[in-house]
């Protein structure tokens, strides 16, 4: 890391499955990621509850005496559907409100293996970075090649000119937790010159008219 500008990550949001998956390596990696965050004195933001990989990573961070914040839709708390959240819990009304709050309260984002919900969260955060709604680093922990197909598809979309090479740099990947956190800390955001002119303030009634082709 010598000679590389390192950003300070105080709170890392983790997206991952509410199931443990078929491979025990996923569980081990989730616990290890929590340990890495704890040892680096990085707090955790996640989706709340204690199921699956979400429970593994939050438990490990708690065990290393770092703060854990679960942001959870109220619907999930009925009848203790997802179990008790490790640490502090914030209840929200909708899934979208949950994701917006995760974005606002986190300095970086990591996706572990998961299903449709995990992929939605990951790509929503990538899309928002592409649109310069935020400039925070995003990475996937590619355990036992879980994300190989996804990464290949993204590269295919670049070749087919639906994703720009600049936008492709938004998605970081690594197979080891420490390496991934290092990459997130070294990440330098490169905004699209045209998309960065968009006005996303709630008070804006109109966005600037741009003469460009949006590859979204």
N, C-alpha and C. Protein backbone atom coordinates (compact mmCIF):
# COMPACT_ATOMS: atom_id res chain seq x y z
N UNK A 1 0.81 -1.21 0.00
CA UNK A 1 0.00 0.00 0.00
C UNK A 1 0.84 1.27 0.00
N UNK A 2 2.16 1.10 0.04
CA UNK A 2 3.04 2.26 0.08
C UNK A 2 2.88 3.10 -1.17
N UNK A 3 2.75 4.42 -0.97
CA UNK A 3 2.62 5.33 -2.09
C UNK A 3 1.21 5.45 -2.63
N UNK A 4 0.25 4.71 -2.05
CA UNK A 4 -1.12 4.73 -2.50
C UNK A 4 -1.97 5.49 -1.50
N UNK A 5 -2.77 6.42 -1.98
CA UNK A 5 -3.68 7.16 -1.11
C UNK A 5 -4.73 6.20 -0.56
N UNK A 6 -4.89 6.18 0.75
CA UNK A 6 -5.81 5.26 1.40
C UNK A 6 -6.97 6.02 2.02
N UNK A 7 -8.19 5.64 1.63
CA UNK A 7 -9.36 6.28 2.21
C UNK A 7 -9.67 5.64 3.56
N UNK A 8 -10.27 6.42 4.44
CA UNK A 8 -10.62 5.92 5.76
C UNK A 8 -11.99 5.30 5.73
N UNK A 9 -12.06 4.02 6.04
CA UNK A 9 -13.34 3.32 6.12
C UNK A 9 -13.65 3.08 7.59
N UNK A 10 -14.68 3.75 8.07
CA UNK A 10 -15.10 3.61 9.46
C UNK A 10 -16.28 2.65 9.60
N UNK A 11 -17.17 2.67 8.58
CA UNK A 11 -18.35 1.82 8.59
C UNK A 11 -18.47 1.12 7.24
N UNK A 12 -18.51 -0.20 7.27
CA UNK A 12 -18.62 -0.98 6.03
C UNK A 12 -19.96 -1.69 6.01
N UNK A 13 -20.68 -1.51 4.91
CA UNK A 13 -21.95 -2.21 4.73
C UNK A 13 -21.69 -3.54 4.03
N UNK A 14 -22.30 -4.59 4.55
CA UNK A 14 -22.16 -5.92 3.95
C UNK A 14 -23.52 -6.41 3.48
N UNK A 15 -23.59 -6.78 2.20
CA UNK A 15 -24.77 -7.42 1.63
C UNK A 15 -24.48 -8.91 1.53
N UNK A 16 -25.41 -9.74 1.97
CA UNK A 16 -25.18 -11.19 1.89
C UNK A 16 -26.47 -11.95 2.14
N UNK A 17 -26.39 -13.25 1.98
CA UNK A 17 -27.57 -14.09 2.06
C UNK A 17 -28.10 -14.29 3.47
N UNK A 18 -29.42 -14.42 3.57
CA UNK A 18 -30.06 -14.80 4.83
C UNK A 18 -30.07 -16.33 4.96
N UNK A 19 -29.46 -17.00 4.00
CA UNK A 19 -29.19 -18.44 4.07
C UNK A 19 -27.68 -18.64 4.17
N UNK A 20 -27.28 -19.83 4.58
CA UNK A 20 -25.85 -20.12 4.74
C UNK A 20 -25.20 -20.66 3.48
N UNK A 21 -26.03 -21.11 2.53
CA UNK A 21 -25.48 -21.66 1.30
C UNK A 21 -25.06 -23.11 1.45
N UNK A 22 -24.74 -23.73 0.34
CA UNK A 22 -24.41 -25.15 0.31
C UNK A 22 -23.00 -25.44 0.80
N UNK A 23 -22.08 -24.51 0.54
CA UNK A 23 -20.66 -24.71 0.82
C UNK A 23 -20.31 -24.10 2.18
N UNK A 24 -19.75 -24.88 3.07
CA UNK A 24 -19.37 -24.38 4.39
C UNK A 24 -18.34 -23.25 4.28
N UNK A 25 -17.66 -23.17 3.14
CA UNK A 25 -16.68 -22.10 2.94
C UNK A 25 -17.34 -20.73 3.00
N UNK A 26 -18.62 -20.65 2.62
CA UNK A 26 -19.32 -19.37 2.68
C UNK A 26 -19.48 -18.90 4.12
N UNK A 27 -19.85 -19.82 5.00
CA UNK A 27 -19.99 -19.49 6.42
C UNK A 27 -18.65 -19.08 7.01
N UNK A 28 -17.61 -19.86 6.71
CA UNK A 28 -16.28 -19.55 7.23
C UNK A 28 -15.80 -18.18 6.75
N UNK A 29 -16.07 -17.88 5.49
CA UNK A 29 -15.64 -16.60 4.93
C UNK A 29 -16.40 -15.44 5.55
N UNK A 30 -17.68 -15.64 5.84
CA UNK A 30 -18.48 -14.58 6.47
C UNK A 30 -17.96 -14.28 7.88
N UNK A 31 -17.66 -15.33 8.63
CA UNK A 31 -17.08 -15.13 9.96
C UNK A 31 -15.71 -14.43 9.85
N UNK A 32 -14.93 -14.86 8.87
CA UNK A 32 -13.59 -14.28 8.71
C UNK A 32 -13.67 -12.81 8.31
N UNK A 33 -14.60 -12.47 7.43
CA UNK A 33 -14.77 -11.08 7.05
C UNK A 33 -15.11 -10.24 8.28
N UNK A 34 -16.01 -10.75 9.12
CA UNK A 34 -16.35 -10.04 10.36
C UNK A 34 -15.14 -9.84 11.25
N UNK A 35 -14.29 -10.85 11.32
CA UNK A 35 -13.06 -10.75 12.11
C UNK A 35 -12.12 -9.69 11.54
N UNK A 36 -11.99 -9.69 10.22
CA UNK A 36 -11.12 -8.71 9.55
C UNK A 36 -11.62 -7.29 9.82
N UNK A 37 -12.92 -7.07 9.68
CA UNK A 37 -13.48 -5.75 9.95
C UNK A 37 -13.25 -5.36 11.40
N UNK A 38 -13.47 -6.30 12.31
CA UNK A 38 -13.27 -6.01 13.73
C UNK A 38 -11.83 -5.66 14.06
N UNK A 39 -10.90 -6.42 13.55
CA UNK A 39 -9.48 -6.18 13.82
C UNK A 39 -9.02 -4.86 13.22
N UNK A 40 -9.66 -4.44 12.13
CA UNK A 40 -9.30 -3.16 11.51
C UNK A 40 -10.09 -1.99 12.10
N UNK A 41 -10.87 -2.29 13.13
CA UNK A 41 -11.68 -1.28 13.83
C UNK A 41 -12.68 -0.61 12.88
N UNK A 42 -13.31 -1.45 12.06
CA UNK A 42 -14.35 -0.99 11.13
C UNK A 42 -15.69 -1.51 11.63
N UNK A 43 -16.65 -0.61 11.79
CA UNK A 43 -17.98 -0.99 12.22
C UNK A 43 -18.79 -1.56 11.06
N UNK A 44 -19.86 -2.27 11.40
CA UNK A 44 -20.66 -2.96 10.38
C UNK A 44 -22.05 -2.34 10.25
N UNK A 45 -22.47 -2.15 9.01
CA UNK A 45 -23.86 -1.85 8.68
C UNK A 45 -24.35 -3.03 7.84
N UNK A 46 -25.52 -3.57 8.20
CA UNK A 46 -26.04 -4.70 7.42
C UNK A 46 -27.57 -4.71 7.50
N UNK A 47 -28.18 -5.75 6.95
CA UNK A 47 -29.63 -5.77 6.82
C UNK A 47 -30.40 -6.23 8.03
N UNK A 48 -29.73 -6.52 9.14
CA UNK A 48 -30.41 -6.90 10.37
C UNK A 48 -30.70 -8.38 10.48
N UNK A 49 -31.07 -8.81 11.69
CA UNK A 49 -31.37 -10.21 11.94
C UNK A 49 -30.13 -11.04 12.17
N UNK A 50 -30.35 -12.35 12.31
CA UNK A 50 -29.22 -13.24 12.58
C UNK A 50 -29.23 -14.50 11.71
N UNK A 51 -29.96 -14.46 10.60
CA UNK A 51 -30.05 -15.63 9.74
C UNK A 51 -28.87 -15.72 8.78
N UNK A 52 -28.47 -16.92 8.46
CA UNK A 52 -27.50 -17.18 7.40
C UNK A 52 -26.20 -16.43 7.54
N UNK A 53 -25.66 -16.01 6.40
CA UNK A 53 -24.38 -15.30 6.40
C UNK A 53 -24.48 -13.95 7.09
N UNK A 54 -25.68 -13.35 7.08
CA UNK A 54 -25.88 -12.09 7.77
C UNK A 54 -25.61 -12.24 9.27
N UNK A 55 -26.07 -13.33 9.83
CA UNK A 55 -25.82 -13.60 11.24
C UNK A 55 -24.36 -13.89 11.52
N UNK A 56 -23.70 -14.58 10.59
CA UNK A 56 -22.28 -14.93 10.78
C UNK A 56 -21.40 -13.69 10.84
N UNK A 57 -21.53 -12.81 9.86
CA UNK A 57 -20.66 -11.64 9.81
C UNK A 57 -20.96 -10.68 10.95
N UNK A 58 -22.23 -10.51 11.32
CA UNK A 58 -22.57 -9.59 12.40
C UNK A 58 -22.11 -10.12 13.75
N UNK A 59 -22.21 -11.43 13.95
CA UNK A 59 -21.73 -12.03 15.18
C UNK A 59 -20.23 -11.85 15.34
N UNK A 60 -19.48 -12.08 14.25
CA UNK A 60 -18.03 -11.95 14.32
C UNK A 60 -17.59 -10.52 14.61
N UNK A 61 -18.27 -9.54 14.01
CA UNK A 61 -17.92 -8.14 14.27
C UNK A 61 -18.20 -7.80 15.73
N UNK A 62 -19.32 -8.27 16.25
CA UNK A 62 -19.68 -8.02 17.65
C UNK A 62 -18.65 -8.62 18.59
N UNK A 63 -18.19 -9.82 18.26
CA UNK A 63 -17.21 -10.49 19.11
C UNK A 63 -15.90 -9.73 19.19
N UNK A 64 -15.63 -8.88 18.20
CA UNK A 64 -14.41 -8.06 18.21
C UNK A 64 -14.71 -6.65 18.70
N UNK A 65 -15.87 -6.51 19.37
CA UNK A 65 -16.24 -5.29 20.10
C UNK A 65 -16.32 -4.06 19.20
N UNK A 66 -16.78 -4.28 17.96
CA UNK A 66 -17.08 -3.16 17.08
C UNK A 66 -18.59 -2.98 17.01
N UNK A 67 -19.01 -1.78 16.63
CA UNK A 67 -20.43 -1.48 16.58
C UNK A 67 -21.09 -2.13 15.36
N UNK A 68 -22.30 -2.61 15.56
CA UNK A 68 -23.08 -3.23 14.50
C UNK A 68 -24.43 -2.52 14.41
N UNK A 69 -24.81 -2.14 13.20
CA UNK A 69 -26.10 -1.50 12.96
C UNK A 69 -26.87 -2.30 11.93
N UNK A 70 -28.03 -2.81 12.33
CA UNK A 70 -28.92 -3.51 11.42
C UNK A 70 -30.05 -2.61 10.98
N UNK A 71 -30.21 -2.46 9.67
CA UNK A 71 -31.29 -1.64 9.12
C UNK A 71 -32.30 -2.59 8.48
N UNK A 72 -33.49 -2.63 9.03
CA UNK A 72 -34.41 -3.71 8.69
C UNK A 72 -35.82 -3.18 8.46
N UNK A 73 -36.48 -3.63 7.40
CA UNK A 73 -37.88 -3.26 7.18
C UNK A 73 -38.76 -3.80 8.31
N UNK A 74 -39.70 -3.02 8.75
CA UNK A 74 -40.56 -3.43 9.86
C UNK A 74 -41.28 -4.75 9.58
N UNK A 75 -41.60 -4.99 8.32
CA UNK A 75 -42.31 -6.23 7.96
C UNK A 75 -41.52 -7.47 8.36
N UNK A 76 -40.18 -7.38 8.34
CA UNK A 76 -39.35 -8.54 8.68
C UNK A 76 -39.31 -8.82 10.18
N UNK A 77 -39.73 -7.85 10.98
CA UNK A 77 -39.65 -8.02 12.43
C UNK A 77 -40.89 -8.67 13.02
N UNK A 78 -41.92 -8.83 12.21
CA UNK A 78 -43.16 -9.47 12.68
C UNK A 78 -42.90 -10.95 12.96
N UNK A 79 -43.33 -11.41 14.12
CA UNK A 79 -43.16 -12.81 14.54
C UNK A 79 -41.71 -13.24 14.55
N UNK A 80 -40.80 -12.27 14.76
CA UNK A 80 -39.37 -12.57 14.86
C UNK A 80 -38.88 -13.36 13.65
N UNK A 81 -39.28 -12.92 12.47
CA UNK A 81 -39.04 -13.65 11.22
C UNK A 81 -37.56 -13.88 10.94
N UNK A 82 -36.71 -12.88 11.23
CA UNK A 82 -35.29 -12.99 10.88
C UNK A 82 -34.37 -13.09 12.10
N UNK A 83 -34.97 -13.20 13.28
CA UNK A 83 -34.15 -13.30 14.47
C UNK A 83 -33.70 -11.95 14.99
N UNK A 84 -33.03 -11.96 16.12
CA UNK A 84 -32.62 -10.74 16.80
C UNK A 84 -31.36 -10.16 16.15
N UNK A 85 -31.40 -8.87 15.90
CA UNK A 85 -30.25 -8.19 15.31
C UNK A 85 -29.13 -8.03 16.32
N UNK A 86 -27.90 -8.29 15.88
CA UNK A 86 -26.73 -8.01 16.73
C UNK A 86 -26.52 -6.49 16.77
N UNK A 87 -26.43 -5.93 17.95
CA UNK A 87 -26.17 -4.51 18.06
C UNK A 87 -27.43 -3.68 17.93
N UNK A 88 -27.28 -2.47 17.43
CA UNK A 88 -28.39 -1.52 17.29
C UNK A 88 -29.21 -1.85 16.06
N UNK A 89 -30.50 -1.55 16.15
CA UNK A 89 -31.39 -1.83 15.02
C UNK A 89 -32.23 -0.59 14.69
N UNK A 90 -32.33 -0.30 13.40
CA UNK A 90 -33.20 0.77 12.91
C UNK A 90 -34.25 0.13 12.02
N UNK A 91 -35.52 0.39 12.32
CA UNK A 91 -36.61 -0.13 11.51
C UNK A 91 -37.05 0.92 10.50
N UNK A 92 -37.26 0.47 9.26
CA UNK A 92 -37.70 1.37 8.19
C UNK A 92 -38.96 0.79 7.57
N UNK A 93 -39.63 1.61 6.76
CA UNK A 93 -40.91 1.19 6.19
C UNK A 93 -40.75 0.35 4.93
N UNK A 94 -39.74 0.65 4.11
CA UNK A 94 -39.63 -0.01 2.81
C UNK A 94 -38.20 -0.50 2.55
N UNK A 95 -38.08 -1.37 1.56
CA UNK A 95 -36.77 -1.87 1.16
C UNK A 95 -35.92 -0.75 0.58
N UNK A 96 -36.54 0.16 -0.17
CA UNK A 96 -35.80 1.26 -0.77
C UNK A 96 -35.27 2.20 0.30
N UNK A 97 -36.09 2.48 1.31
CA UNK A 97 -35.63 3.32 2.41
C UNK A 97 -34.45 2.68 3.12
N UNK A 98 -34.49 1.37 3.25
CA UNK A 98 -33.39 0.62 3.87
C UNK A 98 -32.09 0.82 3.09
N UNK A 99 -32.16 0.68 1.76
CA UNK A 99 -30.96 0.77 0.95
C UNK A 99 -30.40 2.19 0.93
N UNK A 100 -31.27 3.18 0.89
CA UNK A 100 -30.82 4.57 0.93
C UNK A 100 -30.10 4.85 2.24
N UNK A 101 -30.64 4.37 3.35
CA UNK A 101 -30.01 4.59 4.64
C UNK A 101 -28.67 3.87 4.73
N UNK A 102 -28.58 2.67 4.17
CA UNK A 102 -27.32 1.94 4.11
C UNK A 102 -26.26 2.76 3.35
N UNK A 103 -26.67 3.33 2.22
CA UNK A 103 -25.75 4.13 1.42
C UNK A 103 -25.26 5.33 2.21
N UNK A 104 -26.17 6.02 2.87
CA UNK A 104 -25.83 7.25 3.57
C UNK A 104 -24.95 7.00 4.79
N UNK A 105 -25.11 5.87 5.46
CA UNK A 105 -24.41 5.63 6.71
C UNK A 105 -23.11 4.85 6.55
N UNK A 106 -22.82 4.37 5.35
CA UNK A 106 -21.64 3.52 5.13
C UNK A 106 -20.57 4.23 4.32
N UNK A 107 -19.33 3.78 4.51
CA UNK A 107 -18.19 4.33 3.77
C UNK A 107 -17.78 3.42 2.61
N UNK A 108 -18.22 2.16 2.64
CA UNK A 108 -17.86 1.19 1.61
C UNK A 108 -18.85 0.04 1.67
N UNK A 109 -18.83 -0.80 0.62
CA UNK A 109 -19.81 -1.88 0.50
C UNK A 109 -19.12 -3.17 0.05
N UNK A 110 -19.49 -4.27 0.70
CA UNK A 110 -18.98 -5.58 0.33
C UNK A 110 -20.15 -6.53 0.17
N UNK A 111 -20.15 -7.30 -0.92
CA UNK A 111 -21.16 -8.34 -1.12
C UNK A 111 -20.51 -9.70 -0.93
N UNK A 112 -21.13 -10.51 -0.09
CA UNK A 112 -20.81 -11.92 0.06
C UNK A 112 -21.82 -12.71 -0.78
N UNK A 113 -21.65 -14.02 -0.90
CA UNK A 113 -22.65 -14.81 -1.61
C UNK A 113 -24.06 -14.59 -1.07
N UNK A 114 -25.01 -14.61 -1.97
CA UNK A 114 -26.40 -14.41 -1.60
C UNK A 114 -27.29 -14.61 -2.81
N UNK A 115 -28.57 -14.31 -2.62
CA UNK A 115 -29.54 -14.50 -3.69
C UNK A 115 -29.96 -13.21 -4.37
N UNK A 116 -31.21 -13.16 -4.81
CA UNK A 116 -31.70 -12.01 -5.56
C UNK A 116 -31.59 -10.71 -4.76
N UNK A 117 -31.90 -10.78 -3.46
CA UNK A 117 -31.84 -9.57 -2.64
C UNK A 117 -30.43 -9.01 -2.57
N UNK A 118 -29.46 -9.89 -2.39
CA UNK A 118 -28.05 -9.47 -2.35
C UNK A 118 -27.63 -8.85 -3.68
N UNK A 119 -28.02 -9.49 -4.78
CA UNK A 119 -27.65 -8.98 -6.10
C UNK A 119 -28.33 -7.65 -6.38
N UNK A 120 -29.58 -7.51 -5.96
CA UNK A 120 -30.28 -6.23 -6.14
C UNK A 120 -29.55 -5.12 -5.41
N UNK A 121 -29.18 -5.37 -4.15
CA UNK A 121 -28.48 -4.36 -3.36
C UNK A 121 -27.14 -4.00 -3.99
N UNK A 122 -26.41 -5.02 -4.43
CA UNK A 122 -25.11 -4.79 -5.05
C UNK A 122 -25.23 -3.92 -6.30
N UNK A 123 -26.12 -4.30 -7.21
CA UNK A 123 -26.21 -3.57 -8.47
C UNK A 123 -26.88 -2.21 -8.31
N UNK A 124 -27.76 -2.08 -7.33
CA UNK A 124 -28.32 -0.75 -7.07
C UNK A 124 -27.23 0.20 -6.62
N UNK A 125 -26.34 -0.29 -5.76
CA UNK A 125 -25.26 0.56 -5.27
C UNK A 125 -24.27 0.89 -6.40
N UNK A 126 -24.01 -0.07 -7.29
CA UNK A 126 -23.14 0.19 -8.45
C UNK A 126 -23.78 1.22 -9.37
N UNK A 127 -25.06 1.06 -9.64
CA UNK A 127 -25.77 2.00 -10.50
C UNK A 127 -25.74 3.41 -9.93
N UNK A 128 -25.95 3.54 -8.63
CA UNK A 128 -25.91 4.86 -7.99
C UNK A 128 -24.52 5.48 -8.06
N UNK A 129 -23.49 4.64 -7.97
CA UNK A 129 -22.12 5.17 -8.12
C UNK A 129 -21.90 5.65 -9.55
N UNK A 130 -22.37 4.88 -10.52
CA UNK A 130 -22.23 5.26 -11.94
C UNK A 130 -22.88 6.62 -12.19
N UNK A 131 -23.99 6.87 -11.51
CA UNK A 131 -24.73 8.12 -11.67
C UNK A 131 -24.22 9.23 -10.76
N UNK A 132 -23.12 8.96 -10.04
CA UNK A 132 -22.51 9.94 -9.11
C UNK A 132 -23.46 10.34 -7.99
N UNK A 133 -24.35 9.44 -7.61
CA UNK A 133 -25.17 9.67 -6.42
C UNK A 133 -24.31 9.47 -5.17
N UNK A 134 -23.31 8.58 -5.28
CA UNK A 134 -22.30 8.44 -4.23
C UNK A 134 -20.98 8.09 -4.91
N UNK A 135 -19.88 8.15 -4.17
CA UNK A 135 -18.56 7.84 -4.73
C UNK A 135 -17.80 6.85 -3.87
N UNK A 136 -18.54 5.93 -3.25
CA UNK A 136 -17.97 4.99 -2.28
C UNK A 136 -17.60 3.67 -2.95
N UNK A 137 -16.55 3.00 -2.47
CA UNK A 137 -16.09 1.76 -3.10
C UNK A 137 -17.02 0.58 -2.85
N UNK A 138 -17.08 -0.31 -3.85
CA UNK A 138 -17.99 -1.46 -3.82
C UNK A 138 -17.21 -2.69 -4.26
N UNK A 139 -17.29 -3.76 -3.49
CA UNK A 139 -16.56 -4.97 -3.86
C UNK A 139 -17.32 -6.24 -3.57
N UNK A 140 -16.94 -7.31 -4.25
CA UNK A 140 -17.48 -8.64 -3.97
C UNK A 140 -16.36 -9.53 -3.46
N UNK A 141 -16.67 -10.32 -2.44
CA UNK A 141 -15.73 -11.30 -1.93
C UNK A 141 -16.02 -12.62 -2.65
N UNK A 142 -15.17 -12.96 -3.60
CA UNK A 142 -15.44 -14.05 -4.53
C UNK A 142 -14.97 -15.38 -3.94
N UNK A 143 -15.79 -15.92 -3.06
CA UNK A 143 -15.45 -17.14 -2.33
C UNK A 143 -15.68 -18.36 -3.21
N UNK A 144 -14.63 -19.17 -3.39
CA UNK A 144 -14.71 -20.39 -4.19
C UNK A 144 -15.36 -20.15 -5.57
N UNK A 145 -15.08 -18.99 -6.14
CA UNK A 145 -15.56 -18.69 -7.48
C UNK A 145 -17.05 -18.39 -7.57
N UNK A 146 -17.69 -18.09 -6.43
CA UNK A 146 -19.14 -17.87 -6.44
C UNK A 146 -19.55 -16.79 -7.44
N UNK A 147 -18.76 -15.73 -7.54
CA UNK A 147 -19.12 -14.61 -8.40
C UNK A 147 -18.47 -14.66 -9.79
N UNK A 148 -17.83 -15.79 -10.12
CA UNK A 148 -17.14 -15.88 -11.42
C UNK A 148 -18.09 -15.60 -12.58
N UNK A 149 -19.27 -16.23 -12.55
CA UNK A 149 -20.23 -16.05 -13.63
C UNK A 149 -20.71 -14.62 -13.74
N UNK A 150 -20.96 -14.00 -12.59
CA UNK A 150 -21.42 -12.61 -12.57
C UNK A 150 -20.36 -11.68 -13.14
N UNK A 151 -19.12 -11.87 -12.72
CA UNK A 151 -18.03 -11.02 -13.21
C UNK A 151 -17.81 -11.21 -14.70
N UNK A 152 -17.94 -12.45 -15.18
CA UNK A 152 -17.81 -12.72 -16.61
C UNK A 152 -18.92 -12.04 -17.39
N UNK A 153 -20.14 -12.06 -16.83
CA UNK A 153 -21.26 -11.41 -17.50
C UNK A 153 -21.04 -9.90 -17.59
N UNK A 154 -20.55 -9.30 -16.50
CA UNK A 154 -20.27 -7.86 -16.50
C UNK A 154 -19.23 -7.53 -17.57
N UNK A 155 -18.19 -8.34 -17.66
CA UNK A 155 -17.16 -8.11 -18.69
C UNK A 155 -17.74 -8.29 -20.09
N UNK A 156 -18.67 -9.23 -20.24
CA UNK A 156 -19.34 -9.42 -21.52
C UNK A 156 -20.15 -8.18 -21.88
N UNK A 157 -20.83 -7.59 -20.89
CA UNK A 157 -21.61 -6.38 -21.13
C UNK A 157 -20.72 -5.21 -21.53
N UNK A 158 -19.48 -5.21 -21.02
CA UNK A 158 -18.52 -4.18 -21.43
C UNK A 158 -18.16 -4.38 -22.90
N UNK A 159 -17.88 -5.62 -23.28
CA UNK A 159 -17.51 -5.92 -24.67
C UNK A 159 -18.64 -5.56 -25.63
N UNK A 160 -19.88 -5.72 -25.16
CA UNK A 160 -21.04 -5.41 -26.00
C UNK A 160 -21.43 -3.94 -25.91
N UNK A 161 -20.63 -3.15 -25.19
CA UNK A 161 -20.79 -1.70 -25.09
C UNK A 161 -22.09 -1.26 -24.42
N UNK A 162 -22.54 -2.06 -23.42
CA UNK A 162 -23.63 -1.63 -22.56
C UNK A 162 -23.12 -1.08 -21.24
N UNK A 163 -21.90 -1.45 -20.87
CA UNK A 163 -21.22 -0.91 -19.69
C UNK A 163 -19.90 -0.32 -20.18
N UNK A 164 -19.60 0.88 -19.76
CA UNK A 164 -18.36 1.52 -20.19
C UNK A 164 -17.18 0.97 -19.38
N UNK A 165 -15.97 0.99 -19.94
CA UNK A 165 -14.79 0.58 -19.17
C UNK A 165 -14.63 1.40 -17.88
N UNK A 166 -15.00 2.68 -17.93
CA UNK A 166 -14.92 3.51 -16.73
C UNK A 166 -15.87 2.98 -15.64
N UNK A 167 -17.10 2.66 -16.06
CA UNK A 167 -18.07 2.16 -15.09
C UNK A 167 -17.67 0.78 -14.56
N UNK A 168 -17.02 -0.03 -15.39
CA UNK A 168 -16.60 -1.37 -14.96
C UNK A 168 -15.67 -1.30 -13.76
N UNK A 169 -14.89 -0.23 -13.66
CA UNK A 169 -13.94 -0.10 -12.55
C UNK A 169 -14.63 0.07 -11.21
N UNK A 170 -15.92 0.39 -11.23
CA UNK A 170 -16.65 0.58 -9.97
C UNK A 170 -16.70 -0.72 -9.17
N UNK A 171 -16.84 -1.85 -9.86
CA UNK A 171 -16.99 -3.14 -9.18
C UNK A 171 -15.63 -3.78 -8.95
N UNK A 172 -15.25 -3.90 -7.69
CA UNK A 172 -13.98 -4.47 -7.26
C UNK A 172 -14.22 -5.91 -6.83
N UNK A 173 -13.22 -6.76 -6.98
CA UNK A 173 -13.36 -8.14 -6.50
C UNK A 173 -12.04 -8.65 -5.94
N UNK A 174 -12.15 -9.59 -5.02
CA UNK A 174 -10.99 -10.26 -4.44
C UNK A 174 -11.48 -11.56 -3.82
N UNK A 175 -10.55 -12.48 -3.61
CA UNK A 175 -10.91 -13.78 -3.04
C UNK A 175 -10.61 -13.86 -1.55
N UNK A 176 -9.88 -12.88 -1.04
CA UNK A 176 -9.48 -12.86 0.37
C UNK A 176 -9.96 -11.56 1.00
N UNK A 177 -10.51 -11.65 2.20
CA UNK A 177 -11.11 -10.48 2.85
C UNK A 177 -10.13 -9.33 3.03
N UNK A 178 -8.94 -9.61 3.53
CA UNK A 178 -7.96 -8.54 3.75
C UNK A 178 -7.60 -7.84 2.44
N UNK A 179 -7.44 -8.62 1.39
CA UNK A 179 -7.11 -8.04 0.08
C UNK A 179 -8.24 -7.15 -0.41
N UNK A 180 -9.49 -7.59 -0.21
CA UNK A 180 -10.63 -6.81 -0.67
C UNK A 180 -10.72 -5.48 0.08
N UNK A 181 -10.54 -5.51 1.40
CA UNK A 181 -10.59 -4.27 2.18
C UNK A 181 -9.47 -3.33 1.74
N UNK A 182 -8.28 -3.88 1.48
CA UNK A 182 -7.17 -3.05 0.97
C UNK A 182 -7.56 -2.37 -0.34
N UNK A 183 -8.20 -3.12 -1.24
CA UNK A 183 -8.61 -2.56 -2.52
C UNK A 183 -9.67 -1.47 -2.34
N UNK A 184 -10.59 -1.68 -1.42
CA UNK A 184 -11.61 -0.68 -1.16
C UNK A 184 -10.98 0.61 -0.63
N UNK A 185 -9.99 0.45 0.23
CA UNK A 185 -9.33 1.62 0.80
C UNK A 185 -8.52 2.38 -0.26
N UNK A 186 -8.03 1.67 -1.26
CA UNK A 186 -7.21 2.29 -2.30
C UNK A 186 -8.04 2.80 -3.48
N UNK A 187 -9.33 2.53 -3.47
CA UNK A 187 -10.19 2.88 -4.61
C UNK A 187 -10.24 4.38 -4.85
N UNK A 188 -10.12 4.75 -6.12
CA UNK A 188 -10.24 6.15 -6.54
C UNK A 188 -11.40 6.28 -7.51
N UNK A 189 -12.41 7.00 -7.11
CA UNK A 189 -13.62 7.16 -7.92
C UNK A 189 -13.33 8.00 -9.15
N UNK A 190 -13.77 7.51 -10.32
CA UNK A 190 -13.60 8.23 -11.57
C UNK A 190 -14.99 8.55 -12.14
N UNK A 191 -15.56 9.69 -11.81
CA UNK A 191 -16.91 10.00 -12.27
C UNK A 191 -16.98 10.19 -13.78
N UNK A 192 -18.08 9.81 -14.36
CA UNK A 192 -18.33 10.08 -15.76
C UNK A 192 -18.54 11.59 -15.91
N UNK A 193 -17.80 12.25 -16.80
CA UNK A 193 -17.89 13.71 -16.92
C UNK A 193 -19.31 14.21 -17.19
N UNK A 194 -20.08 13.44 -17.93
CA UNK A 194 -21.45 13.85 -18.25
C UNK A 194 -22.42 13.52 -17.11
N UNK A 195 -22.35 12.27 -16.61
CA UNK A 195 -23.28 11.85 -15.57
C UNK A 195 -23.06 12.60 -14.27
N UNK A 196 -21.83 13.04 -14.03
CA UNK A 196 -21.54 13.75 -12.79
C UNK A 196 -22.22 15.12 -12.73
N UNK A 197 -22.75 15.59 -13.88
CA UNK A 197 -23.43 16.89 -13.92
C UNK A 197 -24.90 16.79 -13.51
N UNK A 198 -25.39 15.57 -13.38
CA UNK A 198 -26.78 15.39 -12.98
C UNK A 198 -27.02 15.94 -11.58
N UNK A 199 -28.17 16.56 -11.38
CA UNK A 199 -28.52 17.12 -10.08
C UNK A 199 -29.48 16.18 -9.36
N UNK A 200 -29.02 15.64 -8.23
CA UNK A 200 -29.83 14.66 -7.50
C UNK A 200 -30.42 15.23 -6.22
N UNK A 201 -30.29 16.53 -6.00
CA UNK A 201 -30.87 17.14 -4.81
C UNK A 201 -32.39 17.01 -4.86
N UNK A 202 -33.03 16.68 -3.71
CA UNK A 202 -34.50 16.56 -3.68
C UNK A 202 -35.21 17.83 -4.12
N UNK A 203 -34.52 18.98 -3.99
CA UNK A 203 -35.15 20.25 -4.33
C UNK A 203 -35.09 20.56 -5.82
N UNK A 204 -34.32 19.74 -6.55
CA UNK A 204 -34.19 19.99 -7.99
C UNK A 204 -35.46 19.54 -8.71
N UNK A 205 -36.05 20.44 -9.46
CA UNK A 205 -37.27 20.10 -10.19
C UNK A 205 -36.96 19.50 -11.55
N UNK A 206 -35.78 19.82 -12.05
CA UNK A 206 -35.39 19.30 -13.35
C UNK A 206 -33.91 18.95 -13.35
N UNK A 207 -33.54 17.91 -14.12
CA UNK A 207 -32.14 17.56 -14.30
C UNK A 207 -31.61 18.31 -15.51
N UNK A 208 -30.30 18.54 -15.51
CA UNK A 208 -29.71 19.21 -16.66
C UNK A 208 -29.90 18.36 -17.91
N UNK A 209 -30.19 19.03 -19.02
CA UNK A 209 -30.32 18.32 -20.28
C UNK A 209 -28.93 18.04 -20.83
N UNK A 210 -28.68 16.77 -21.07
CA UNK A 210 -27.34 16.38 -21.53
C UNK A 210 -27.45 15.73 -22.90
N UNK A 211 -26.50 16.08 -23.73
CA UNK A 211 -26.43 15.49 -25.06
C UNK A 211 -25.48 14.31 -25.00
N UNK A 212 -26.02 13.15 -24.58
CA UNK A 212 -25.16 11.98 -24.42
C UNK A 212 -26.00 10.73 -24.55
N UNK A 213 -25.32 9.62 -24.75
CA UNK A 213 -25.97 8.33 -24.76
C UNK A 213 -25.70 7.67 -23.42
N UNK A 214 -26.76 7.38 -22.65
CA UNK A 214 -26.59 6.76 -21.33
C UNK A 214 -26.50 5.25 -21.50
N UNK A 215 -25.40 4.69 -21.04
CA UNK A 215 -25.26 3.24 -21.08
C UNK A 215 -25.57 2.71 -19.69
N UNK A 216 -26.83 2.51 -19.38
CA UNK A 216 -27.27 2.11 -18.05
C UNK A 216 -27.87 0.71 -18.10
